PDB file of N, CA and C in Angstrom:
ATOM      1  N   MET A   1     123.179 101.651 168.105  1.00  0.00           N
ATOM      2  CA  MET A   1     124.036 102.382 169.468  1.00  0.00           C
ATOM      3  C   MET A   1     124.191 101.434 170.684  1.00  0.00           C
ATOM      4  N   ILE A   2     125.135 102.383 171.128  1.00  0.00           N
ATOM      5  CA  ILE A   2     124.948 101.947 172.721  1.00  0.00           C
ATOM      6  C   ILE A   2     125.077 102.685 173.555  1.00  0.00           C
ATOM      7  N   PHE A   3     123.870 102.329 175.001  1.00  0.00           N
ATOM      8  CA  PHE A   3     123.202 103.420 175.665  1.00  0.00           C
ATOM      9  C   PHE A   3     124.200 103.465 176.891  1.00  0.00           C
ATOM     10  N   ASP A   4     123.823 104.805 176.995  1.00  0.00           N
ATOM     11  CA  ASP A   4     125.161 104.996 178.877  1.00  0.00           C
ATOM     12  C   ASP A   4     123.686 104.443 179.934  1.00  0.00           C
ATOM     13  N   SER A   5     124.673 104.407 181.034  1.00  0.00           N
ATOM     14  CA  SER A   5     123.813 104.273 181.957  1.00  0.00           C
ATOM     15  C   SER A   5     122.903 105.145 182.092  1.00  0.00           C
ATOM     16  N   ASP A   6     123.172 105.998 182.331  1.00  0.00           N
ATOM     17  CA  ASP A   6     121.856 107.047 182.387  1.00  0.00           C
ATOM     18  C   ASP A   6     120.726 107.228 181.720  1.00  0.00           C
ATOM     19  N   VAL A   7     121.030 106.803 180.360  1.00  0.00           N
ATOM     20  CA  VAL A   7     119.829 106.506 179.319  1.00  0.00           C
ATOM     21  C   VAL A   7     118.869 105.377 179.675  1.00  0.00           C
ATOM     22  N   LEU A   8     119.570 104.311 179.789  1.00  0.00           N
ATOM     23  CA  LEU A   8     119.138 103.410 180.354  1.00  0.00           C
ATOM     24  C   LEU A   8     118.125 103.356 181.865  1.00  0.00           C
ATOM     25  N   MET A   9     118.468 104.150 182.972  1.00  0.00           N
ATOM     26  CA  MET A   9     118.034 104.478 183.961  1.00  0.00           C
ATOM     27  C   MET A   9     116.370 105.810 183.618  1.00  0.00           C
ATOM     28  N   TRP A  10     116.627 106.423 182.590  1.00  0.00           N
ATOM     29  CA  TRP A  10     115.364 106.682 182.309  1.00  0.00           C
ATOM     30  C   TRP A  10     114.462 106.046 181.332  1.00  0.00           C
ATOM     31  N   PHE A  11     114.690 105.164 180.738  1.00  0.00           N
ATOM     32  CA  PHE A  11     113.933 103.813 179.873  1.00  0.00           C
ATOM     33  C   PHE A  11     113.624 103.147 181.323  1.00  0.00           C
ATOM     34  N   LEU A  12     114.127 102.741 181.876  1.00  0.00           N
ATOM     35  CA  LEU A  12     113.696 101.674 183.322  1.00  0.00           C
ATOM     36  C   LEU A  12     112.683 102.738 183.865  1.00  0.00           C
ATOM     37  N   ARG A  13     112.635 103.537 184.266  1.00  0.00           N
ATOM     38  CA  ARG A  13     111.861 104.866 184.257  1.00  0.00           C
ATOM     39  C   ARG A  13     110.403 105.093 183.378  1.00  0.00           C
ATOM     40  N   GLY A  14     110.453 104.770 182.508  1.00  0.00           N
ATOM     41  CA  GLY A  14     109.637 105.025 181.201  1.00  0.00           C
ATOM     42  C   GLY A  14     109.640 106.772 180.871  1.00  0.00           C
ATOM     43  N   GLU A  15     110.624 107.190 181.311  1.00  0.00           N
ATOM     44  CA  GLU A  15     110.273 108.488 180.135  1.00  0.00           C
ATOM     45  C   GLU A  15     110.110 108.361 179.077  1.00  0.00           C
ATOM     46  N   SER A  16     109.451 109.530 178.323  1.00  0.00           N
ATOM     47  CA  SER A  16     109.111 108.822 177.073  1.00  0.00           C
ATOM     48  C   SER A  16     110.442 108.781 176.475  1.00  0.00           C
ATOM     49  N   ASN A  17     111.224 110.111 176.170  1.00  0.00           N
ATOM     50  CA  ASN A  17     111.674 110.531 175.465  1.00  0.00           C
ATOM     51  C   ASN A  17     113.103 109.029 175.058  1.00  0.00           C
ATOM     52  N   ALA A  18     113.262 108.289 176.482  1.00  0.00           N
ATOM     53  CA  ALA A  18     114.430 107.231 176.361  1.00  0.00           C
ATOM     54  C   ALA A  18     113.308 105.825 175.801  1.00  0.00           C
ATOM     55  N   VAL A  19     112.313 106.121 176.234  1.00  0.00           N
ATOM     56  CA  VAL A  19     111.282 104.589 175.825  1.00  0.00           C
ATOM     57  C   VAL A  19     111.635 104.593 174.366  1.00  0.00           C
ATOM     58  N   ASP A  20     111.180 105.925 173.574  1.00  0.00           N
ATOM     59  CA  ASP A  20     110.539 106.175 172.143  1.00  0.00           C
ATOM     60  C   ASP A  20     111.921 105.996 171.017  1.00  0.00           C
ATOM     61  N   LEU A  21     112.981 106.694 171.907  1.00  0.00           N
ATOM     62  CA  LEU A  21     114.524 106.591 171.215  1.00  0.00           C
ATOM     63  C   LEU A  21     114.678 104.748 171.377  1.00  0.00           C
ATOM     64  N   ILE A  22     114.985 104.018 172.269  1.00  0.00           N
ATOM     65  CA  ILE A  22     114.870 102.821 172.478  1.00  0.00           C
ATOM     66  C   ILE A  22     114.350 101.884 171.773  1.00  0.00           C
ATOM     67  N   ASP A  23     112.982 102.129 171.873  1.00  0.00           N
ATOM     68  CA  ASP A  23     111.851 101.342 170.724  1.00  0.00           C
ATOM     69  C   ASP A  23     112.131 101.637 169.183  1.00  0.00           C
ATOM     70  N   ALA A  24     112.707 103.227 168.882  1.00  0.00           N
ATOM     71  CA  ALA A  24     113.256 103.320 167.288  1.00  0.00           C
ATOM     72  C   ALA A  24     114.739 102.259 167.187  1.00  0.00           C
ATOM     73  N   THR A  25     115.335 102.434 167.959  1.00  0.00           N
ATOM     74  CA  THR A  25     116.770 101.886 167.312  1.00  0.00           C
ATOM     75  C   THR A  25     116.692 100.001 167.890  1.00  0.00           C
ATOM     76  N   ALA A  26     117.451  99.519 166.356  1.00  0.00           N
ATOM     77  CA  ALA A  26     117.422  98.265 165.966  1.00  0.00           C
ATOM     78  C   ALA A  26     118.112  97.669 166.743  1.00  0.00           C
ATOM     79  N   ASP A  27     119.279  97.809 166.255  1.00  0.00           N
ATOM     80  CA  ASP A  27     120.625  97.587 167.301  1.00  0.00           C
ATOM     81  C   ASP A  27     120.560  98.349 168.436  1.00  0.00           C
ATOM     82  N   ARG A  28     120.247  97.733 169.947  1.00  0.00           N
ATOM     83  CA  ARG A  28     120.706  97.953 171.307  1.00  0.00           C
ATOM     84  C   ARG A  28     121.749  97.282 171.885  1.00  0.00           C
ATOM     85  N   SER A  29     122.735  98.332 172.448  1.00  0.00           N
ATOM     86  CA  SER A  29     124.047  98.038 172.956  1.00  0.00           C
ATOM     87  C   SER A  29     123.781  98.531 174.375  1.00  0.00           C
ATOM     88  N   LEU A  30     124.683  98.094 175.107  1.00  0.00           N
ATOM     89  CA  LEU A  30     125.331  98.257 176.142  1.00  0.00           C
ATOM     90  C   LEU A  30     126.250  97.842 176.805  1.00  0.00           C
ATOM     91  N   SER A  31     126.889  98.257 177.573  1.00  0.00           N
ATOM     92  CA  SER A  31     128.418  97.717 178.285  1.00  0.00           C
ATOM     93  C   SER A  31     127.973  97.097 179.401  1.00  0.00           C
ATOM     94  N   ILE A  32     128.639  96.238 179.466  1.00  0.00           N
ATOM     95  CA  ILE A  32     128.309  94.921 181.370  1.00  0.00           C
ATOM     96  C   ILE A  32     128.600  96.247 182.185  1.00  0.00           C
ATOM     97  N   VAL A  33     129.286  97.273 182.310  1.00  0.00           N
ATOM     98  CA  VAL A  33     129.316  98.306 183.106  1.00  0.00           C
ATOM     99  C   VAL A  33     128.374  99.088 183.307  1.00  0.00           C
ATOM    100  N   SER A  34     127.738  99.244 181.954  1.00  0.00           N
ATOM    101  CA  SER A  34     126.091 100.068 181.855  1.00  0.00           C
ATOM    102  C   SER A  34     125.433  98.770 182.790  1.00  0.00           C
ATOM    103  N   LEU A  35     125.437  97.825 182.600  1.00  0.00           N
ATOM    104  CA  LEU A  35     124.056  97.212 183.122  1.00  0.00           C
ATOM    105  C   LEU A  35     124.719  96.962 184.781  1.00  0.00           C
ATOM    106  N   MET A  36     125.985  97.064 184.839  1.00  0.00           N
ATOM    107  CA  MET A  36     125.872  96.365 186.861  1.00  0.00           C
ATOM    108  C   MET A  36     125.902  97.799 187.210  1.00  0.00           C
ATOM    109  N   GLU A  37     125.526  98.829 186.767  1.00  0.00           N
ATOM    110  CA  GLU A  37     125.553 100.466 187.068  1.00  0.00           C
ATOM    111  C   GLU A  37     124.192 100.879 187.123  1.00  0.00           C
ATOM    112  N   THR A  38     123.524  99.922 186.252  1.00  0.00           N
ATOM    113  CA  THR A  38     121.990 100.287 186.365  1.00  0.00           C
ATOM    114  C   THR A  38     121.711  98.803 187.921  1.00  0.00           C
ATOM    115  N   LEU A  39     122.208  97.899 187.862  1.00  0.00           N
ATOM    116  CA  LEU A  39     121.707  96.565 188.405  1.00  0.00           C
ATOM    117  C   LEU A  39     122.432  97.841 189.990  1.00  0.00           C
ATOM    118  N   GLN A  40     123.290  97.991 190.057  1.00  0.00           N
ATOM    119  CA  GLN A  40     123.446  98.545 191.655  1.00  0.00           C
ATOM    120  C   GLN A  40     122.419  99.837 192.239  1.00  0.00           C
ATOM    121  N   GLY A  41     121.561 100.704 190.777  1.00  0.00           N
ATOM    122  CA  GLY A  41     120.533 101.354 191.492  1.00  0.00           C
ATOM    123  C   GLY A  41     119.632 100.088 191.816  1.00  0.00           C
ATOM    124  N   ALA A  42     118.956  99.206 191.615  1.00  0.00           N
ATOM    125  CA  ALA A  42     117.937  98.017 191.840  1.00  0.00           C
ATOM    126  C   ALA A  42     118.194  99.028 193.953  1.00  0.00           C
ATOM    127  N   LYS A  43     116.744  98.574 194.372  1.00  0.00           N
ATOM    128  CA  LYS A  43     116.560  98.681 195.914  1.00  0.00           C
ATOM    129  C   LYS A  43     116.315  97.241 196.057  1.00  0.00           C
ATOM    130  N   SER A  44     116.193  96.257 195.260  1.00  0.00           N
ATOM    131  CA  SER A  44     116.006  94.559 196.030  1.00  0.00           C
ATOM    132  C   SER A  44     116.108  93.319 194.856  1.00  0.00           C
ATOM    133  N   LYS A  45     115.724  92.328 195.479  1.00  0.00           N
ATOM    134  CA  LYS A  45     116.668  91.536 194.406  1.00  0.00           C
ATOM    135  C   LYS A  45     115.376  91.197 193.300  1.00  0.00           C
ATOM    136  N   PRO A  46     113.916  91.547 194.052  1.00  0.00           N
ATOM    137  CA  PRO A  46     112.737  91.612 192.536  1.00  0.00           C
ATOM    138  C   PRO A  46     112.982  92.504 191.319  1.00  0.00           C
ATOM    139  N   GLU A  47     113.642  93.928 191.904  1.00  0.00           N
ATOM    140  CA  GLU A  47     114.005  95.159 191.049  1.00  0.00           C
ATOM    141  C   GLU A  47     115.146  95.058 189.778  1.00  0.00           C
ATOM    142  N   MET A  48     116.127  94.033 190.622  1.00  0.00           N
ATOM    143  CA  MET A  48     117.185  93.646 189.914  1.00  0.00           C
ATOM    144  C   MET A  48     116.603  92.668 188.553  1.00  0.00           C
ATOM    145  N   ARG A  49     115.806  91.560 188.875  1.00  0.00           N
ATOM    146  CA  ARG A  49     115.458  91.176 187.885  1.00  0.00           C
ATOM    147  C   ARG A  49     114.104  91.095 187.259  1.00  0.00           C
ATOM    148  N   MET A  50     113.595  92.478 187.440  1.00  0.00           N
ATOM    149  CA  MET A  50     112.964  93.444 186.021  1.00  0.00           C
ATOM    150  C   MET A  50     113.541  94.042 185.714  1.00  0.00           C
ATOM    151  N   VAL A  51     114.961  94.977 186.101  1.00  0.00           N
ATOM    152  CA  VAL A  51     115.938  94.898 184.909  1.00  0.00           C
ATOM    153  C   VAL A  51     116.271  94.601 184.035  1.00  0.00           C
ATOM    154  N   ARG A  52     116.514  93.240 184.957  1.00  0.00           N
ATOM    155  CA  ARG A  52     116.969  92.180 183.416  1.00  0.00           C
ATOM    156  C   ARG A  52     116.758  91.673 182.733  1.00  0.00           C
ATOM    157  N   GLU A  53     114.960  91.285 183.412  1.00  0.00           N
ATOM    158  CA  GLU A  53     114.024  90.839 182.204  1.00  0.00           C
ATOM    159  C   GLU A  53     113.791  92.020 180.864  1.00  0.00           C
ATOM    160  N   LEU A  54     113.602  93.647 181.778  1.00  0.00           N
ATOM    161  CA  LEU A  54     113.573  94.529 180.702  1.00  0.00           C
ATOM    162  C   LEU A  54     114.546  94.576 179.598  1.00  0.00           C
ATOM    163  N   PHE A  55     115.302  94.307 179.515  1.00  0.00           N
ATOM    164  CA  PHE A  55     116.628  94.749 178.788  1.00  0.00           C
ATOM    165  C   PHE A  55     116.755  93.457 178.245  1.00  0.00           C
ATOM    166  N   ARG A  56     115.909  92.188 178.593  1.00  0.00           N
ATOM    167  CA  ARG A  56     115.896  90.775 177.621  1.00  0.00           C
ATOM    168  C   ARG A  56     115.068  91.072 176.931  1.00  0.00           C
ATOM    169  N   GLU A  57     114.193  91.927 177.406  1.00  0.00           N
ATOM    170  CA  GLU A  57     112.856  92.130 176.276  1.00  0.00           C
ATOM    171  C   GLU A  57     112.873  92.883 174.910  1.00  0.00           C
ATOM    172  N   ALA A  58     113.707  93.661 175.542  1.00  0.00           N
ATOM    173  CA  ALA A  58     114.127  95.044 174.761  1.00  0.00           C
ATOM    174  C   ALA A  58     115.210  94.627 173.856  1.00  0.00           C
ATOM    175  N   THR A  59     115.345  93.384 174.056  1.00  0.00           N
ATOM    176  CA  THR A  59     116.584  92.604 173.132  1.00  0.00           C
ATOM    177  C   THR A  59     118.083  93.503 173.025  1.00  0.00           C
ATOM    178  N   PHE A  60     118.195  94.091 173.976  1.00  0.00           N
ATOM    179  CA  PHE A  60     119.718  94.455 174.121  1.00  0.00           C
ATOM    180  C   PHE A  60     121.119  93.594 174.564  1.00  0.00           C
ATOM    181  N   GLN A  61     121.694  94.082 173.428  1.00  0.00           N
ATOM    182  CA  GLN A  61     122.966  93.272 173.565  1.00  0.00           C
ATOM    183  C   GLN A  61     124.251  93.619 174.543  1.00  0.00           C
ATOM    184  N   VAL A  62     124.170  92.487 175.339  1.00  0.00           N
ATOM    185  CA  VAL A  62     125.162  93.289 176.623  1.00  0.00           C
ATOM    186  C   VAL A  62     126.778  92.968 175.994  1.00  0.00           C
ATOM    187  N   ILE A  63     127.570  94.343 176.160  1.00  0.00           N
ATOM    188  CA  ILE A  63     128.886  93.557 175.575  1.00  0.00           C
ATOM    189  C   ILE A  63     129.855  93.352 176.835  1.00  0.00           C
ATOM    190  N   PRO A  64     130.671  92.639 176.472  1.00  0.00           N
ATOM    191  CA  PRO A  64     131.150  91.809 177.580  1.00  0.00           C
ATOM    192  C   PRO A  64     132.671  92.868 177.756  1.00  0.00           C
ATOM    193  N   LEU A  65     133.239  92.948 178.253  1.00  0.00           N
ATOM    194  CA  LEU A  65     134.754  93.817 178.587  1.00  0.00           C
ATOM    195  C   LEU A  65     135.828  92.745 177.996  1.00  0.00           C
ATOM    196  N   ASN A  66     136.549  93.007 177.514  1.00  0.00           N
ATOM    197  CA  ASN A  66     137.625  91.797 177.039  1.00  0.00           C
ATOM    198  C   ASN A  66     139.403  92.787 177.204  1.00  0.00           C
ATOM    199  N   GLU A  67     140.160  92.049 176.590  1.00  0.00           N
ATOM    200  CA  GLU A  67     141.620  92.377 176.906  1.00  0.00           C
ATOM    201  C   GLU A  67     141.819  93.678 176.010  1.00  0.00           C
ATOM    202  N   SER A  68     141.052  94.045 174.899  1.00  0.00           N
ATOM    203  CA  SER A  68     141.387  95.227 174.035  1.00  0.00           C
ATOM    204  C   SER A  68     140.397  96.521 174.479  1.00  0.00           C
ATOM    205  N   ILE A  69     139.438  96.438 175.125  1.00  0.00           N
ATOM    206  CA  ILE A  69     138.689  97.683 175.670  1.00  0.00           C
ATOM    207  C   ILE A  69     139.246  97.848 177.440  1.00  0.00           C
ATOM    208  N   GLY A  70     139.947  97.038 177.719  1.00  0.00           N
ATOM    209  CA  GLY A  70     140.790  97.353 178.865  1.00  0.00           C
ATOM    210  C   GLY A  70     142.072  98.299 178.663  1.00  0.00           C
ATOM    211  N   HIS A  71     142.973  98.107 177.463  1.00  0.00           N
ATOM    212  CA  HIS A  71     143.649  98.642 177.194  1.00  0.00           C
ATOM    213  C   HIS A  71     143.362 100.286 176.655  1.00  0.00           C
ATOM    214  N   VAL A  72     142.482  99.976 175.907  1.00  0.00           N
ATOM    215  CA  VAL A  72     141.930 101.182 175.567  1.00  0.00           C
ATOM    216  C   VAL A  72     141.262 102.210 176.677  1.00  0.00           C
ATOM    217  N   ALA A  73     140.677 101.654 177.601  1.00  0.00           N
ATOM    218  CA  ALA A  73     139.781 102.631 178.490  1.00  0.00           C
ATOM    219  C   ALA A  73     141.242 103.083 179.349  1.00  0.00           C
ATOM    220  N   ALA A  74     142.876 101.678 179.875  1.00  0.00           N
ATOM    221  CA  ALA A  74     143.462 102.324 180.212  1.00  0.00           C
ATOM    222  C   ALA A  74     144.216 103.799 179.659  1.00  0.00           C
ATOM    223  N   SER A  75     144.286 103.384 178.177  1.00  0.00           N
ATOM    224  CA  SER A  75     144.681 104.751 177.615  1.00  0.00           C
ATOM    225  C   SER A  75     143.784 106.075 177.668  1.00  0.00           C
ATOM    226  N   LEU A  76     142.719 105.911 177.684  1.00  0.00           N
ATOM    227  CA  LEU A  76     142.134 107.305 178.027  1.00  0.00           C
ATOM    228  C   LEU A  76     142.164 108.359 179.631  1.00  0.00           C
ATOM    229  N   ILE A  77     142.154 107.242 180.385  1.00  0.00           N
ATOM    230  CA  ILE A  77     142.172 107.308 181.649  1.00  0.00           C
ATOM    231  C   ILE A  77     143.846 108.427 181.687  1.00  0.00           C
ATOM    232  N   GLU A  78     144.508 107.585 181.333  1.00  0.00           N
ATOM    233  CA  GLU A  78     146.377 108.696 181.472  1.00  0.00           C
ATOM    234  C   GLU A  78     146.064 109.559 180.198  1.00  0.00           C
ATOM    235  N   GLU A  79     145.181 109.903 179.360  1.00  0.00           N
ATOM    236  CA  GLU A  79     144.988 111.055 178.321  1.00  0.00           C
ATOM    237  C   GLU A  79     143.917 111.978 178.897  1.00  0.00           C
ATOM    238  N   HIS A  80     142.770 111.444 179.352  1.00  0.00           N
ATOM    239  CA  HIS A  80     141.971 112.375 180.302  1.00  0.00           C
ATOM    240  C   HIS A  80     141.462 112.501 181.714  1.00  0.00           C
ATOM    241  N   SER A  81     142.190 111.779 182.209  1.00  0.00           N
ATOM    242  CA  SER A  81     141.605 111.976 183.822  1.00  0.00           C
ATOM    243  C   SER A  81     141.876 112.891 184.677  1.00  0.00           C
ATOM    244  N   LEU A  82     143.286 113.437 184.567  1.00  0.00           N
ATOM    245  CA  LEU A  82     143.779 114.190 184.968  1.00  0.00           C
ATOM    246  C   LEU A  82     143.228 116.205 184.294  1.00  0.00           C
ATOM    247  N   ASN A  83     143.356 116.457 183.222  1.00  0.00           N
ATOM    248  CA  ASN A  83     142.557 117.461 182.589  1.00  0.00           C
ATOM    249  C   ASN A  83     140.972 117.162 182.903  1.00  0.00           C
ATOM    250  N   SER A  84     140.574 116.060 182.809  1.00  0.00           N
ATOM    251  CA  SER A  84     138.808 116.352 182.280  1.00  0.00           C
ATOM    252  C   SER A  84     138.420 115.477 183.493  1.00  0.00           C
ATOM    253  N   GLY A  85     139.388 114.501 184.363  1.00  0.00           N
ATOM    254  CA  GLY A  85     138.484 114.047 185.366  1.00  0.00           C
ATOM    255  C   GLY A  85     137.848 112.529 184.769  1.00  0.00           C
ATOM    256  N   LEU A  86     137.944 112.311 183.698  1.00  0.00           N
ATOM    257  CA  LEU A  86     137.471 110.981 183.096  1.00  0.00           C
ATOM    258  C   LEU A  86     137.338 109.801 184.278  1.00  0.00           C
ATOM    259  N   GLN A  87     136.685 109.276 184.691  1.00  0.00           N
ATOM    260  CA  GLN A  87     136.351 108.345 185.941  1.00  0.00           C
ATOM    261  C   GLN A  87     136.371 106.837 184.960  1.00  0.00           C
ATOM    262  N   VAL A  88     136.719 105.707 185.459  1.00  0.00           N
ATOM    263  CA  VAL A  88     137.283 104.529 184.971  1.00  0.00           C
ATOM    264  C   VAL A  88     135.810 103.587 184.731  1.00  0.00           C
ATOM    265  N   ALA A  89     134.558 103.882 185.139  1.00  0.00           N
ATOM    266  CA  ALA A  89     133.338 103.466 185.140  1.00  0.00           C
ATOM    267  C   ALA A  89     133.771 103.941 183.233  1.00  0.00           C
ATOM    268  N   ASP A  90     133.114 105.448 182.827  1.00  0.00           N
ATOM    269  CA  ASP A  90     133.094 106.594 182.093  1.00  0.00           C
ATOM    270  C   ASP A  90     134.076 105.466 180.881  1.00  0.00           C
ATOM    271  N   ALA A  91     135.310 106.008 181.302  1.00  0.00           N
ATOM    272  CA  ALA A  91     136.415 105.366 180.134  1.00  0.00           C
ATOM    273  C   ALA A  91     136.196 104.045 179.606  1.00  0.00           C
ATOM    274  N   LEU A  92     135.648 102.904 180.479  1.00  0.00           N
ATOM    275  CA  LEU A  92     135.158 101.485 179.972  1.00  0.00           C
ATOM    276  C   LEU A  92     134.331 101.053 179.411  1.00  0.00           C
ATOM    277  N   ILE A  93     133.044 102.149 179.482  1.00  0.00           N
ATOM    278  CA  ILE A  93     131.813 102.424 178.036  1.00  0.00           C
ATOM    279  C   ILE A  93     132.387 103.332 177.413  1.00  0.00           C
ATOM    280  N   ALA A  94     132.826 104.086 177.160  1.00  0.00           N
ATOM    281  CA  ALA A  94     133.952 105.012 176.046  1.00  0.00           C
ATOM    282  C   ALA A  94     134.637 103.881 175.101  1.00  0.00           C
ATOM    283  N   ALA A  95     135.447 103.047 175.803  1.00  0.00           N
ATOM    284  CA  ALA A  95     136.295 102.027 174.742  1.00  0.00           C
ATOM    285  C   ALA A  95     135.656 101.136 174.670  1.00  0.00           C
ATOM    286  N   THR A  96     134.448 100.576 175.337  1.00  0.00           N
ATOM    287  CA  THR A  96     133.449 100.008 174.512  1.00  0.00           C
ATOM    288  C   THR A  96     132.440 100.537 173.416  1.00  0.00           C
ATOM    289  N   ALA A  97     132.690 101.206 173.212  1.00  0.00           N
ATOM    290  CA  ALA A  97     131.677 102.113 171.862  1.00  0.00           C
ATOM    291  C   ALA A  97     132.726 102.611 170.738  1.00  0.00           C
ATOM    292  N   LEU A  98     133.821 102.652 171.430  1.00  0.00           N
ATOM    293  CA  LEU A  98     135.225 102.937 170.666  1.00  0.00           C
ATOM    294  C   LEU A  98     135.278 101.072 170.018  1.00  0.00           C
ATOM    295  N   GLY A  99     135.217 100.316 170.772  1.00  0.00           N
ATOM    296  CA  GLY A  99     135.907  99.187 170.209  1.00  0.00           C
ATOM    297  C   GLY A  99     134.522  98.429 169.497  1.00  0.00           C
ATOM    298  N   ALA A 100     133.566  98.731 169.293  1.00  0.00           N
ATOM    299  CA  ALA A 100     132.412  98.294 168.723  1.00  0.00           C
ATOM    300  C   ALA A 100     132.171  99.449 167.431  1.00  0.00           C
ATOM    301  N   GLY A 101     132.636 100.304 167.729  1.00  0.00           N
ATOM    302  CA  GLY A 101     132.958 101.545 166.361  1.00  0.00           C
ATOM    303  C   GLY A 101     131.244 101.884 166.059  1.00  0.00           C
ATOM    304  N   ASP A 102     130.642 101.982 167.517  1.00  0.00           N
ATOM    305  CA  ASP A 102     129.777 102.658 167.071  1.00  0.00           C
ATOM    306  C   ASP A 102     129.154 104.046 168.482  1.00  0.00           C
ATOM    307  N   VAL A 103     128.106 104.647 168.182  1.00  0.00           N
ATOM    308  CA  VAL A 103     127.808 105.776 168.570  1.00  0.00           C
ATOM    309  C   VAL A 103     127.397 105.615 170.361  1.00  0.00           C
ATOM    310  N   LEU A 104     127.824 106.558 171.457  1.00  0.00           N
ATOM    311  CA  LEU A 104     127.017 106.126 172.457  1.00  0.00           C
ATOM    312  C   LEU A 104     126.398 107.262 172.858  1.00  0.00           C
ATOM    313  N   VAL A 105     125.361 107.070 172.994  1.00  0.00           N
ATOM    314  CA  VAL A 105     123.876 107.814 173.711  1.00  0.00           C
ATOM    315  C   VAL A 105     123.971 108.083 174.644  1.00  0.00           C
ATOM    316  N   THR A 106     124.357 109.457 175.179  1.00  0.00           N
ATOM    317  CA  THR A 106     124.541 109.975 176.626  1.00  0.00           C
ATOM    318  C   THR A 106     123.554 110.907 177.197  1.00  0.00           C
ATOM    319  N   ALA A 107     123.291 111.228 178.364  1.00  0.00           N
ATOM    320  CA  ALA A 107     122.614 112.671 178.876  1.00  0.00           C
ATOM    321  C   ALA A 107     124.010 113.256 179.369  1.00  0.00           C
ATOM    322  N   ASN A 108     125.053 112.589 179.386  1.00  0.00           N
ATOM    323  CA  ASN A 108     126.379 113.319 180.530  1.00  0.00           C
ATOM    324  C   ASN A 108     127.534 113.306 179.085  1.00  0.00           C
ATOM    325  N   VAL A 109     126.877 114.139 177.879  1.00  0.00           N
ATOM    326  CA  VAL A 109     127.608 114.463 176.805  1.00  0.00           C
ATOM    327  C   VAL A 109     129.404 115.469 177.616  1.00  0.00           C
ATOM    328  N   LYS A 110     129.088 115.723 178.500  1.00  0.00           N
ATOM    329  CA  LYS A 110     130.288 116.643 179.132  1.00  0.00           C
ATOM    330  C   LYS A 110     131.433 115.739 179.809  1.00  0.00           C
ATOM    331  N   HIS A 111     130.956 114.282 179.996  1.00  0.00           N
ATOM    332  CA  HIS A 111     131.853 113.534 180.634  1.00  0.00           C
ATOM    333  C   HIS A 111     132.792 112.831 179.492  1.00  0.00           C
ATOM    334  N   PHE A 112     132.210 112.845 178.181  1.00  0.00           N
ATOM    335  CA  PHE A 112     133.166 112.008 177.198  1.00  0.00           C
ATOM    336  C   PHE A 112     133.289 112.866 175.962  1.00  0.00           C
ATOM    337  N   ARG A 113     132.757 114.735 176.623  1.00  0.00           N
ATOM    338  CA  ARG A 113     133.267 115.451 174.628  1.00  0.00           C
ATOM    339  C   ARG A 113     135.142 115.191 174.922  1.00  0.00           C
ATOM    340  N   PRO A 114     135.502 115.156 175.823  1.00  0.00           N
ATOM    341  CA  PRO A 114     137.175 115.431 175.504  1.00  0.00           C
ATOM    342  C   PRO A 114     137.548 114.028 174.807  1.00  0.00           C
ATOM    343  N   ILE A 115     136.602 113.202 174.113  1.00  0.00           N
ATOM    344  CA  ILE A 115     137.373 111.496 173.915  1.00  0.00           C
ATOM    345  C   ILE A 115     136.802 112.146 172.424  1.00  0.00           C
ATOM    346  N   ARG A 116     137.748 112.569 171.410  1.00  0.00           N
ATOM    347  CA  ARG A 116     137.424 113.256 170.078  1.00  0.00           C
ATOM    348  C   ARG A 116     136.887 112.378 169.402  1.00  0.00           C
ATOM    349  N   SER A 117     137.627 110.860 169.472  1.00  0.00           N
ATOM    350  CA  SER A 117     137.494 109.897 168.446  1.00  0.00           C
ATOM    351  C   SER A 117     135.836 109.331 169.138  1.00  0.00           C
ATOM    352  N   LEU A 118     134.906 109.310 170.204  1.00  0.00           N
ATOM    353  CA  LEU A 118     134.266 108.980 170.537  1.00  0.00           C
ATOM    354  C   LEU A 118     133.239 109.761 169.706  1.00  0.00           C
ATOM    355  N   GLN A 119     132.107 108.678 169.007  1.00  0.00           N
ATOM    356  CA  GLN A 119     130.639 109.556 168.178  1.00  0.00           C
ATOM    357  C   GLN A 119     129.657 109.355 169.500  1.00  0.00           C
ATOM    358  N   LEU A 120     129.313 110.629 169.488  1.00  0.00           N
ATOM    359  CA  LEU A 120     128.451 110.727 170.879  1.00  0.00           C
ATOM    360  C   LEU A 120     127.080 111.410 170.325  1.00  0.00           C
ATOM    361  N   MET A 121     126.023 110.920 170.787  1.00  0.00           N
ATOM    362  CA  MET A 121     124.425 111.225 170.788  1.00  0.00           C
ATOM    363  C   MET A 121     123.996 111.816 172.335  1.00  0.00           C
ATOM    364  N   GLY A 122     123.956 113.179 172.470  1.00  0.00           N
ATOM    365  CA  GLY A 122     123.191 113.721 173.386  1.00  0.00           C
ATOM    366  C   GLY A 122     121.264 113.441 173.386  1.00  0.00           C
ATOM    367  N   PHE A 123     121.652 112.603 174.707  1.00  0.00           N
ATOM    368  CA  PHE A 123     120.386 112.451 175.362  1.00  0.00           C
ATOM    369  C   PHE A 123     119.620 113.626 176.334  1.00  0.00           C
ATOM    370  N   HIS A 124     118.165 113.493 175.732  1.00  0.00           N
ATOM    371  CA  HIS A 124     117.265 115.009 177.445  1.00  0.00           C
ATOM    372  C   HIS A 124     116.353 113.971 177.449  1.00  0.00           C
ATOM    373  N   ALA A 125     116.288 113.996 178.640  1.00  0.00           N
ATOM    374  CA  ALA A 125     115.037 113.592 179.086  1.00  0.00           C
ATOM    375  C   ALA A 125     113.765 114.949 178.851  1.00  0.00           C
ATOM    376  N   ARG A 126     112.653 114.382 178.856  1.00  0.00           N
ATOM    377  CA  ARG A 126     111.481 115.549 178.729  1.00  0.00           C
ATOM    378  C   ARG A 126     111.739 116.013 180.428  1.00  0.00           C
ATOM    379  N   ARG A 127     111.588 117.316 180.414  1.00  0.00           N
ATOM    380  CA  ARG A 127     111.358 118.082 181.611  1.00  0.00           C
ATOM    381  C   ARG A 127     109.607 118.063 182.080  1.00  0.00           C
ATOM    382  N   GLY A 128     108.989 118.396 183.436  1.00  0.00           N
ATOM    383  CA  GLY A 128     107.603 118.728 183.666  1.00  0.00           C
ATOM    384  C   GLY A 128     107.250 117.516 183.177  1.00  0.00           C
TER     385      GLY A 128
END
């Protein structure tokens, strides 16, 4: 499974649904774009180091960008940005999941739903 940035943020905050889902997933991956978005949300260098360490401890595979992902993301932008507002980061994350042939776990299903060939799993944090 490839985890979107929003699920990773819930995981880092210790939200129980995110922690349980990630703990129950043997092959954990994320796009380098999701790593960058997560790091960008850190408030200090020590917090950035903590994010990196938590991902390392949880044995996430970070999938780098490559030429194929770039081409697929560009095609997704051409196909979906005007009608559904697909953004660059989401196109790169979707292209990463498509290239890996893996399910993308996200709390923002509506961002990715127009991409019919993308396998999605919706995530919901606990309320309250």
